[in-house]
Protein backbone atom coordinates (compact mmCIF):
# COMPACT_ATOMS: atom_id res chain seq x y z
CA MET A 1 -23.68 32.74 0.83
CA SER A 2 -20.74 34.34 -0.87
CA GLU A 3 -18.40 31.70 -2.26
CA LYS A 4 -15.00 32.62 -3.55
CA LEU A 5 -14.10 30.88 -6.79
CA GLU A 6 -10.53 29.78 -7.17
CA PHE A 7 -9.03 29.16 -10.56
CA ALA A 8 -6.05 26.99 -11.29
CA ARG A 9 -2.96 28.97 -12.26
CA ASP A 10 -1.36 25.92 -13.81
CA TYR A 11 -2.76 22.78 -15.43
CA LYS A 12 -0.98 20.68 -12.79
CA GLU A 13 -3.32 22.16 -10.18
CA LEU A 14 -6.37 20.73 -11.95
CA LYS A 15 -7.87 17.71 -10.20
CA VAL A 16 -8.62 16.06 -13.55
CA TYR A 17 -4.94 16.36 -14.56
CA GLN A 18 -3.79 14.95 -11.24
CA LEU A 19 -6.15 11.97 -11.61
CA ALA A 20 -5.04 11.38 -15.20
CA PHE A 21 -1.38 11.49 -14.19
CA GLU A 22 -1.95 9.13 -11.28
CA SER A 23 -3.83 6.75 -13.57
CA ALA A 24 -1.03 6.86 -16.15
CA MET A 25 1.49 5.91 -13.47
CA GLN A 26 -0.70 3.02 -12.32
CA ILE A 27 -1.13 1.84 -15.91
CA TYR A 28 2.62 1.92 -16.40
CA GLU A 29 3.23 -0.16 -13.27
CA LEU A 30 0.50 -2.67 -14.14
CA SER A 31 1.68 -3.04 -17.73
CA ARG A 32 5.16 -4.01 -16.51
CA LYS A 33 3.62 -7.31 -15.40
CA TRP A 34 2.16 -8.18 -18.80
CA PRO A 35 3.68 -11.00 -20.84
CA PRO A 36 6.88 -10.22 -22.77
CA GLU A 37 5.22 -10.92 -26.12
CA GLU A 38 2.97 -7.90 -25.52
CA LYS A 39 5.92 -5.61 -24.83
CA TYR A 40 6.04 -3.87 -28.19
CA SER A 41 2.43 -3.90 -29.24
CA LEU A 42 -0.27 -3.70 -26.60
CA THR A 43 1.94 -2.39 -23.78
CA ASP A 44 3.35 0.45 -25.85
CA GLN A 45 -0.07 1.43 -27.19
CA VAL A 46 -1.70 1.50 -23.74
CA ARG A 47 1.16 3.50 -22.22
CA ARG A 48 1.09 6.08 -25.01
CA ALA A 49 -2.67 6.42 -24.71
CA SER A 50 -2.49 7.03 -20.96
CA ARG A 51 0.17 9.71 -21.42
CA SER A 52 -1.89 11.28 -24.18
CA VAL A 53 -4.70 12.06 -21.74
CA CYS A 54 -2.35 14.14 -19.58
CA GLY A 55 -0.93 15.87 -22.64
CA ASN A 56 -4.35 16.77 -23.99
CA ILE A 57 -5.45 18.22 -20.65
CA ALA A 58 -2.27 20.30 -20.42
CA GLU A 59 -2.68 21.53 -23.98
CA ALA A 60 -6.29 22.57 -23.42
């Protein structure tokens, strides 16, 4: 019953980072289809927030 624990050497190896990055890319693609009047307000805010998650995971 001996299990070997493996630790990530880099934040990019973390599953939570990979999921956050994948989600950020999906959010970016989906937000491209939003109306033009949302381009500078809602779209920008949502994109920055999704990138922030990846940045916070990497920083931690």
